[in-house]
Amino acid sequence: MRVRPITPELFVDDLADRIAAAPSDGRLRVALDGPPPAGATPLSRDPVADSPLAGPDPLAAALVEALRLRGRPAHAVPANGFLRSASLRFEQGRTNPDAFYTDWLDESGLRREVLDPAGPDGSGEILPSLWDPATDRASRAGYLPLEPAAVVLVTGGFLLGGGLPFDVTVHLVVSPAALARRTPPDWAWTLPAWDRYVGEVDPAGWADVVVRTDDPRHPALVKRE
């Protein structure tokens, strides 16, 4: 593998170019996968009001604008809006790393309301969020009709390896040391879950685009030989 340092601005431009040029007959579903520190996303201290599955949301926001400048309308869909209810997430306790890994994200809801409708045979109308973790109720979001060439950017953690139908996959790597250093103490209990994800799925091994983000201010693209 070769690693090429790149500025955050150039990385966004490079990734936007790749996505815009990806073979597609219409809409495109893109996974932006990685832990919150990969995108320097701040976390609250309340696991009901926020979630360490929030993922690299700042990257998605930058890509939305960059893709629109390239003639591709884009919409960011945070996985944090597709959590299961608190009764299911916390059934094994509020700080159980195995439950965090397997039980927090509502993959079937994400597939049903976003990925399948955004697919080539889908309805073209997605639900930007399904569940509000702050109120622990349905988010009451309205359906969003997609443009014919729209790009849907799903951002969050644990998106790869579960069979979710993405057209392009991006994985943001954070080394264990950097992840431990940059994870708030209240979320340190999640670290074994990220280790399990890397060990069981190896998301960097098969994602279409891999970038190291130990320091989001100095990313580095990973290129396979």
C-alpha atoms as a PDB file:
ATOM      1  CA  MET A   1       0.000   0.000   0.000  1.00  0.00           C
ATOM      2  CA  ARG A   2       1.018   3.575  -0.606  1.00  0.00           C
ATOM      3  CA  VAL A   3      -0.074   6.443   1.612  1.00  0.00           C
ATOM      4  CA  ARG A   4      -0.316   9.947   0.169  1.00  0.00           C
ATOM      5  CA  PRO A   5      -0.723  12.907   2.520  1.00  0.00           C
ATOM      6  CA  ILE A   6      -3.320  15.375   1.326  1.00  0.00           C
ATOM      7  CA  THR A   7      -4.953  18.545   2.609  1.00  0.00           C
ATOM      8  CA  PRO A   8      -8.568  18.289   3.816  1.00  0.00           C
ATOM      9  CA  GLU A   9      -9.670  20.574   0.967  1.00  0.00           C
ATOM     10  CA  LEU A  10      -7.947  18.491  -1.691  1.00  0.00           C
ATOM     11  CA  PHE A  11      -9.302  15.305  -0.144  1.00  0.00           C
ATOM     12  CA  VAL A  12     -12.866  16.602  -0.425  1.00  0.00           C
ATOM     13  CA  ASP A  13     -12.239  17.614  -4.037  1.00  0.00           C
ATOM     14  CA  ASP A  14     -10.629  14.266  -4.862  1.00  0.00           C
ATOM     15  CA  LEU A  15     -13.451  12.299  -3.263  1.00  0.00           C
ATOM     16  CA  ALA A  16     -16.116  14.454  -4.920  1.00  0.00           C
ATOM     17  CA  ASP A  17     -14.450  13.836  -8.304  1.00  0.00           C
ATOM     18  CA  ARG A  18     -14.438  10.067  -7.686  1.00  0.00           C
ATOM     19  CA  ILE A  19     -18.066   9.985  -6.638  1.00  0.00           C
ATOM     20  CA  ALA A  20     -19.220  12.204  -9.495  1.00  0.00           C
ATOM     21  CA  ALA A  21     -17.346  10.003 -11.974  1.00  0.00           C
ATOM     22  CA  ALA A  22     -18.564   6.682 -10.529  1.00  0.00           C
ATOM     23  CA  PRO A  23     -20.490   4.553 -13.060  1.00  0.00           C
ATOM     24  CA  SER A  24     -24.176   5.091 -12.474  1.00  0.00           C
ATOM     25  CA  ASP A  25     -27.383   5.176 -14.458  1.00  0.00           C
ATOM     26  CA  GLY A  26     -28.969   7.514 -11.946  1.00  0.00           C
ATOM     27  CA  ARG A  27     -28.873   7.888  -8.190  1.00  0.00           C
ATOM     28  CA  LEU A  28     -25.819   6.872  -6.157  1.00  0.00           C
ATOM     29  CA  ARG A  29     -25.645   5.541  -2.593  1.00  0.00           C
ATOM     30  CA  VAL A  30     -22.389   6.331  -0.780  1.00  0.00           C
ATOM     31  CA  ALA A  31     -21.232   5.110   2.634  1.00  0.00           C
ATOM     32  CA  LEU A  32     -18.990   7.432   4.650  1.00  0.00           C
ATOM     33  CA  ASP A  33     -17.946   4.997   7.343  1.00  0.00           C
ATOM     34  CA  GLY A  34     -15.870   5.726  10.420  1.00  0.00           C
ATOM     35  CA  PRO A  35     -15.915   6.646  14.105  1.00  0.00           C
ATOM     36  CA  PRO A  36     -16.770  10.219  15.141  1.00  0.00           C
ATOM     37  CA  PRO A  37     -13.114  11.269  15.681  1.00  0.00           C
ATOM     38  CA  ALA A  38     -12.498  10.577  11.991  1.00  0.00           C
ATOM     39  CA  GLY A  39     -14.389  13.752  11.208  1.00  0.00           C
ATOM     40  CA  ALA A  40     -13.744  15.683  14.409  1.00  0.00           C
ATOM     41  CA  THR A  41     -17.440  15.471  15.261  1.00  0.00           C
ATOM     42  CA  PRO A  42     -18.131  16.676  18.805  1.00  0.00           C
ATOM     43  CA  LEU A  43     -20.195  14.418  21.053  1.00  0.00           C
ATOM     44  CA  SER A  44     -22.528  15.374  23.854  1.00  0.00           C
ATOM     45  CA  ARG A  45     -22.261  13.692  27.217  1.00  0.00           C
ATOM     46  CA  ASP A  46     -25.779  12.258  27.048  1.00  0.00           C
ATOM     47  CA  PRO A  47     -26.006   8.915  25.207  1.00  0.00           C
ATOM     48  CA  VAL A  48     -29.751   9.431  24.809  1.00  0.00           C
ATOM     49  CA  ALA A  49     -29.384  12.838  23.144  1.00  0.00           C
ATOM     50  CA  ASP A  50     -26.422  11.895  20.975  1.00  0.00           C
ATOM     51  CA  SER A  51     -24.597   8.821  19.789  1.00  0.00           C
ATOM     52  CA  PRO A  52     -21.017   7.815  19.061  1.00  0.00           C
ATOM     53  CA  LEU A  53     -22.440   6.386  15.839  1.00  0.00           C
ATOM     54  CA  ALA A  54     -22.723   9.963  14.560  1.00  0.00           C
ATOM     55  CA  GLY A  55     -19.758   9.367  12.287  1.00  0.00           C
ATOM     56  CA  PRO A  56     -17.821  11.747  10.046  1.00  0.00           C
ATOM     57  CA  ASP A  57     -20.677  14.198   9.494  1.00  0.00           C
ATOM     58  CA  PRO A  58     -18.442  17.221   8.658  1.00  0.00           C
ATOM     59  CA  LEU A  59     -17.050  15.340   5.655  1.00  0.00           C
ATOM     60  CA  ALA A  60     -20.574  14.693   4.402  1.00  0.00           C
ATOM     61  CA  ALA A  61     -21.456  18.369   4.719  1.00  0.00           C
ATOM     62  CA  ALA A  62     -18.380  19.368   2.695  1.00  0.00           C
ATOM     63  CA  LEU A  63     -19.123  16.752   0.053  1.00  0.00           C
ATOM     64  CA  VAL A  64     -22.705  17.929  -0.382  1.00  0.00           C
ATOM     65  CA  GLU A  65     -21.449  21.313  -1.525  1.00  0.00           C
ATOM     66  CA  ALA A  66     -18.582  19.907  -3.605  1.00  0.00           C
ATOM     67  CA  LEU A  67     -20.873  17.500  -5.443  1.00  0.00           C
ATOM     68  CA  ARG A  68     -23.436  20.175  -6.163  1.00  0.00           C
ATOM     69  CA  LEU A  69     -20.699  22.238  -7.776  1.00  0.00           C
ATOM     70  CA  ARG A  70     -20.074  19.224 -10.019  1.00  0.00           C
ATOM     71  CA  GLY A  71     -23.692  19.023 -11.059  1.00  0.00           C
ATOM     72  CA  ARG A  72     -24.674  16.213  -8.708  1.00  0.00           C
ATOM     73  CA  PRO A  73     -27.317  17.096  -6.112  1.00  0.00           C
ATOM     74  CA  ALA A  74     -26.360  15.456  -2.830  1.00  0.00           C
ATOM     75  CA  HIS A  75     -28.058  14.748   0.482  1.00  0.00           C
ATOM     76  CA  ALA A  76     -26.433  13.720   3.774  1.00  0.00           C
ATOM     77  CA  VAL A  77     -28.215  11.100   5.872  1.00  0.00           C
ATOM     78  CA  PRO A  78     -26.626  10.569   9.320  1.00  0.00           C
ATOM     79  CA  ALA A  79     -26.895   7.053  10.692  1.00  0.00           C
ATOM     80  CA  ASN A  80     -27.589   8.721  14.041  1.00  0.00           C
ATOM     81  CA  GLY A  81     -31.148   9.239  12.788  1.00  0.00           C
ATOM     82  CA  PHE A  82     -31.582   5.478  12.443  1.00  0.00           C
ATOM     83  CA  LEU A  83     -30.917   4.225  15.939  1.00  0.00           C
ATOM     84  CA  ARG A  84     -33.129   1.649  17.583  1.00  0.00           C
ATOM     85  CA  SER A  85     -35.281   2.695  20.512  1.00  0.00           C
ATOM     86  CA  ALA A  86     -33.623   3.121  23.907  1.00  0.00           C
ATOM     87  CA  SER A  87     -35.368   0.008  25.222  1.00  0.00           C
ATOM     88  CA  LEU A  88     -33.527  -2.054  22.598  1.00  0.00           C
ATOM     89  CA  ARG A  89     -30.216  -0.158  22.629  1.00  0.00           C
ATOM     90  CA  PHE A  90     -29.883  -0.312  26.406  1.00  0.00           C
ATOM     91  CA  GLU A  91     -31.365  -3.756  26.990  1.00  0.00           C
ATOM     92  CA  GLN A  92     -27.930  -5.020  28.058  1.00  0.00           C
ATOM     93  CA  GLY A  93     -26.996  -1.777  29.813  1.00  0.00           C
ATOM     94  CA  ARG A  94     -26.096   1.703  28.631  1.00  0.00           C
ATOM     95  CA  THR A  95     -22.384   0.997  28.272  1.00  0.00           C
ATOM     96  CA  ASN A  96     -22.248  -2.467  26.722  1.00  0.00           C
ATOM     97  CA  PRO A  97     -19.789  -2.430  23.790  1.00  0.00           C
ATOM     98  CA  ASP A  98     -21.191  -5.594  22.208  1.00  0.00           C
ATOM     99  CA  ALA A  99     -24.715  -4.172  22.188  1.00  0.00           C
ATOM    100  CA  PHE A 100     -23.335  -0.923  20.804  1.00  0.00           C
ATOM    101  CA  TYR A 101     -21.783  -2.866  17.934  1.00  0.00           C
ATOM    102  CA  THR A 102     -24.723  -5.139  17.116  1.00  0.00           C
ATOM    103  CA  ASP A 103     -27.901  -3.539  18.463  1.00  0.00           C
ATOM    104  CA  TRP A 104     -27.762   0.253  18.178  1.00  0.00           C
ATOM    105  CA  LEU A 105     -28.038   0.837  14.430  1.00  0.00           C
ATOM    106  CA  ASP A 106     -31.373  -0.009  12.818  1.00  0.00           C
ATOM    107  CA  GLU A 107     -29.960  -1.468   9.603  1.00  0.00           C
ATOM    108  CA  SER A 108     -33.329  -2.698   8.374  1.00  0.00           C
ATOM    109  CA  GLY A 109     -34.833   0.772   8.821  1.00  0.00           C
ATOM    110  CA  LEU A 110     -31.895   2.388   7.030  1.00  0.00           C
ATOM    111  CA  ARG A 111     -32.251  -0.048   4.159  1.00  0.00           C
ATOM    112  CA  ARG A 112     -36.036   0.280   3.968  1.00  0.00           C
ATOM    113  CA  GLU A 113     -36.277   4.063   4.221  1.00  0.00           C
ATOM    114  CA  VAL A 114     -33.078   5.203   2.475  1.00  0.00           C
ATOM    115  CA  LEU A 115     -30.989   2.681   0.582  1.00  0.00           C
ATOM    116  CA  ASP A 116     -33.687   0.692  -1.191  1.00  0.00           C
ATOM    117  CA  PRO A 117     -35.714   3.780  -2.237  1.00  0.00           C
ATOM    118  CA  ALA A 118     -32.490   5.431  -3.482  1.00  0.00           C
ATOM    119  CA  GLY A 119     -31.553   2.342  -5.490  1.00  0.00           C
ATOM    120  CA  PRO A 120     -32.084   1.892  -9.226  1.00  0.00           C
ATOM    121  CA  ASP A 121     -35.502   0.277  -8.759  1.00  0.00           C
ATOM    122  CA  GLY A 122     -36.533   2.326  -5.743  1.00  0.00           C
ATOM    123  CA  SER A 123     -39.269   4.892  -5.337  1.00  0.00           C
ATOM    124  CA  GLY A 124     -36.811   7.814  -5.296  1.00  0.00           C
ATOM    125  CA  GLU A 125     -38.204   9.134  -1.993  1.00  0.00           C
ATOM    126  CA  ILE A 126     -36.151   8.720   1.168  1.00  0.00           C
ATOM    127  CA  LEU A 127     -36.757   9.404   4.840  1.00  0.00           C
ATOM    128  CA  PRO A 128     -33.781  11.475   6.109  1.00  0.00           C
ATOM    129  CA  SER A 129     -34.270  10.240   9.682  1.00  0.00           C
ATOM    130  CA  LEU A 130     -36.435   7.642  11.368  1.00  0.00           C
ATOM    131  CA  TRP A 131     -35.780   7.972  15.094  1.00  0.00           C
ATOM    132  CA  ASP A 132     -34.897  10.898  17.366  1.00  0.00           C
ATOM    133  CA  PRO A 133     -32.555   9.645  20.116  1.00  0.00           C
ATOM    134  CA  ALA A 134     -33.149  12.813  22.170  1.00  0.00           C
ATOM    135  CA  THR A 135     -36.886  12.203  22.554  1.00  0.00           C
ATOM    136  CA  ASP A 136     -36.733   8.433  21.925  1.00  0.00           C
ATOM    137  CA  ARG A 137     -39.591   8.780  19.494  1.00  0.00           C
ATOM    138  CA  ALA A 138     -40.117   8.756  15.758  1.00  0.00           C
ATOM    139  CA  SER A 139     -38.444  11.799  14.226  1.00  0.00           C
ATOM    140  CA  ARG A 140     -41.524  12.792  12.210  1.00  0.00           C
ATOM    141  CA  ALA A 141     -39.301  13.696   9.284  1.00  0.00           C
ATOM    142  CA  GLY A 142     -41.013  14.058   5.936  1.00  0.00           C
ATOM    143  CA  TYR A 143     -40.092  12.081   2.860  1.00  0.00           C
ATOM    144  CA  LEU A 144     -37.564  13.702   0.539  1.00  0.00           C
ATOM    145  CA  PRO A 145     -37.931  13.218  -3.225  1.00  0.00           C
ATOM    146  CA  LEU A 146     -34.546  12.649  -4.858  1.00  0.00           C
ATOM    147  CA  GLU A 147     -33.362  14.203  -8.089  1.00  0.00           C
ATOM    148  CA  PRO A 148     -32.647  11.696 -10.910  1.00  0.00           C
ATOM    149  CA  ALA A 149     -28.855  11.984 -10.449  1.00  0.00           C
ATOM    150  CA  ALA A 150     -28.841  12.509  -6.673  1.00  0.00           C
ATOM    151  CA  VAL A 151     -26.078  11.243  -4.411  1.00  0.00           C
ATOM    152  CA  VAL A 152     -27.149   9.993  -0.985  1.00  0.00           C
ATOM    153  CA  LEU A 153     -24.299  10.199   1.550  1.00  0.00           C
ATOM    154  CA  VAL A 154     -24.916   7.946   4.541  1.00  0.00           C
ATOM    155  CA  THR A 155     -22.502   8.806   7.323  1.00  0.00           C
ATOM    156  CA  GLY A 156     -21.863   6.809  10.473  1.00  0.00           C
ATOM    157  CA  GLY A 157     -20.116   3.848  12.033  1.00  0.00           C
ATOM    158  CA  PHE A 158     -20.385   0.113  11.370  1.00  0.00           C
ATOM    159  CA  LEU A 159     -21.919   0.687   7.929  1.00  0.00           C
ATOM    160  CA  LEU A 160     -19.779  -1.878   6.101  1.00  0.00           C
ATOM    161  CA  GLY A 161     -19.824  -5.652   6.222  1.00  0.00           C
ATOM    162  CA  GLY A 162     -23.520  -6.078   6.967  1.00  0.00           C
ATOM    163  CA  GLY A 163     -24.756  -6.290   3.392  1.00  0.00           C
ATOM    164  CA  LEU A 164     -26.177  -2.782   3.152  1.00  0.00           C
ATOM    165  CA  PRO A 165     -26.503  -1.895  -0.562  1.00  0.00           C
ATOM    166  CA  PHE A 166     -24.015   0.897  -1.196  1.00  0.00           C
ATOM    167  CA  ASP A 167     -22.659   1.817  -4.626  1.00  0.00           C
ATOM    168  CA  VAL A 168     -19.498   3.497  -3.295  1.00  0.00           C
ATOM    169  CA  THR A 169     -17.881   2.868   0.082  1.00  0.00           C
ATOM    170  CA  VAL A 170     -15.484   5.194   1.886  1.00  0.00           C
ATOM    171  CA  HIS A 171     -13.797   4.197   5.128  1.00  0.00           C
ATOM    172  CA  LEU A 172     -12.034   6.661   7.396  1.00  0.00           C
ATOM    173  CA  VAL A 173      -9.335   4.921   9.408  1.00  0.00           C
ATOM    174  CA  VAL A 174      -8.367   6.061  12.891  1.00  0.00           C
ATOM    175  CA  SER A 175      -5.582   4.111  14.595  1.00  0.00           C
ATOM    176  CA  PRO A 176      -6.449   2.521  17.969  1.00  0.00           C
ATOM    177  CA  ALA A 177      -4.096   4.898  19.776  1.00  0.00           C
ATOM    178  CA  ALA A 178      -5.566   7.998  18.125  1.00  0.00           C
ATOM    179  CA  LEU A 179      -9.107   6.754  18.640  1.00  0.00           C
ATOM    180  CA  ALA A 180      -8.475   6.174  22.344  1.00  0.00           C
ATOM    181  CA  ARG A 181      -6.811   9.574  22.673  1.00  0.00           C
ATOM    182  CA  ARG A 182      -9.558  11.495  20.902  1.00  0.00           C
ATOM    183  CA  THR A 183     -12.596   9.674  22.272  1.00  0.00           C
ATOM    184  CA  PRO A 184     -14.222  11.553  25.186  1.00  0.00           C
ATOM    185  CA  PRO A 185     -13.917   9.676  28.494  1.00  0.00           C
ATOM    186  CA  ASP A 186     -17.680   9.186  28.666  1.00  0.00           C
ATOM    187  CA  TRP A 187     -17.496   7.184  25.433  1.00  0.00           C
ATOM    188  CA  ALA A 188     -14.368   5.148  26.213  1.00  0.00           C
ATOM    189  CA  TRP A 189     -16.560   2.100  26.770  1.00  0.00           C
ATOM    190  CA  THR A 190     -17.206   2.021  22.985  1.00  0.00           C
ATOM    191  CA  LEU A 191     -13.559   1.400  22.078  1.00  0.00           C
ATOM    192  CA  PRO A 192     -13.799  -2.441  22.191  1.00  0.00           C
ATOM    193  CA  ALA A 193     -16.656  -2.224  19.682  1.00  0.00           C
ATOM    194  CA  TRP A 194     -14.488  -0.366  17.177  1.00  0.00           C
ATOM    195  CA  ASP A 195     -11.717  -2.931  17.708  1.00  0.00           C
ATOM    196  CA  ARG A 196     -14.230  -5.708  17.043  1.00  0.00           C
ATOM    197  CA  TYR A 197     -15.421  -3.997  13.864  1.00  0.00           C
ATOM    198  CA  VAL A 198     -11.894  -3.767  12.495  1.00  0.00           C
ATOM    199  CA  GLY A 199     -11.098  -7.360  13.463  1.00  0.00           C
ATOM    200  CA  GLU A 200     -14.285  -8.946  12.136  1.00  0.00           C
ATOM    201  CA  VAL A 201     -15.064  -6.803   9.088  1.00  0.00           C
ATOM    202  CA  ASP A 202     -11.712  -5.285   8.043  1.00  0.00           C
ATOM    203  CA  PRO A 203     -13.509  -2.285   6.488  1.00  0.00           C
ATOM    204  CA  ALA A 204     -10.242  -0.819   5.195  1.00  0.00           C
ATOM    205  CA  GLY A 205      -9.569  -4.042   3.309  1.00  0.00           C
ATOM    206  CA  TRP A 206     -12.439  -3.763   0.875  1.00  0.00           C
ATOM    207  CA  ALA A 207     -13.770  -0.190   0.939  1.00  0.00           C
ATOM    208  CA  ASP A 208     -13.492   1.602  -2.393  1.00  0.00           C
ATOM    209  CA  VAL A 209     -11.721   4.585  -0.819  1.00  0.00           C
ATOM    210  CA  VAL A 210      -9.654   4.490   2.374  1.00  0.00           C
ATOM    211  CA  VAL A 211      -8.218   7.526   4.134  1.00  0.00           C
ATOM    212  CA  ARG A 212      -6.273   7.760   7.359  1.00  0.00           C
ATOM    213  CA  THR A 213      -7.578  10.431   9.672  1.00  0.00           C
ATOM    214  CA  ASP A 214      -5.611  10.156  12.897  1.00  0.00           C
ATOM    215  CA  ASP A 215      -5.547  13.933  12.605  1.00  0.00           C
ATOM    216  CA  PRO A 216      -8.470  15.183  10.437  1.00  0.00           C
ATOM    217  CA  ARG A 217      -6.416  18.287   9.652  1.00  0.00           C
ATOM    218  CA  HIS A 218      -3.826  16.083   7.914  1.00  0.00           C
ATOM    219  CA  PRO A 219      -5.575  13.178   6.159  1.00  0.00           C
ATOM    220  CA  ALA A 220      -3.745  10.657   4.003  1.00  0.00           C
ATOM    221  CA  LEU A 221      -5.186   8.657   1.128  1.00  0.00           C
ATOM    222  CA  VAL A 222      -4.381   4.954   1.135  1.00  0.00           C
ATOM    223  CA  LYS A 223      -3.754   3.457  -2.280  1.00  0.00           C
ATOM    224  CA  ARG A 224      -3.508  -0.276  -2.866  1.00  0.00           C
ATOM    225  CA  GLU A 225      -0.653  -1.437  -5.071  1.00  0.00           C
END
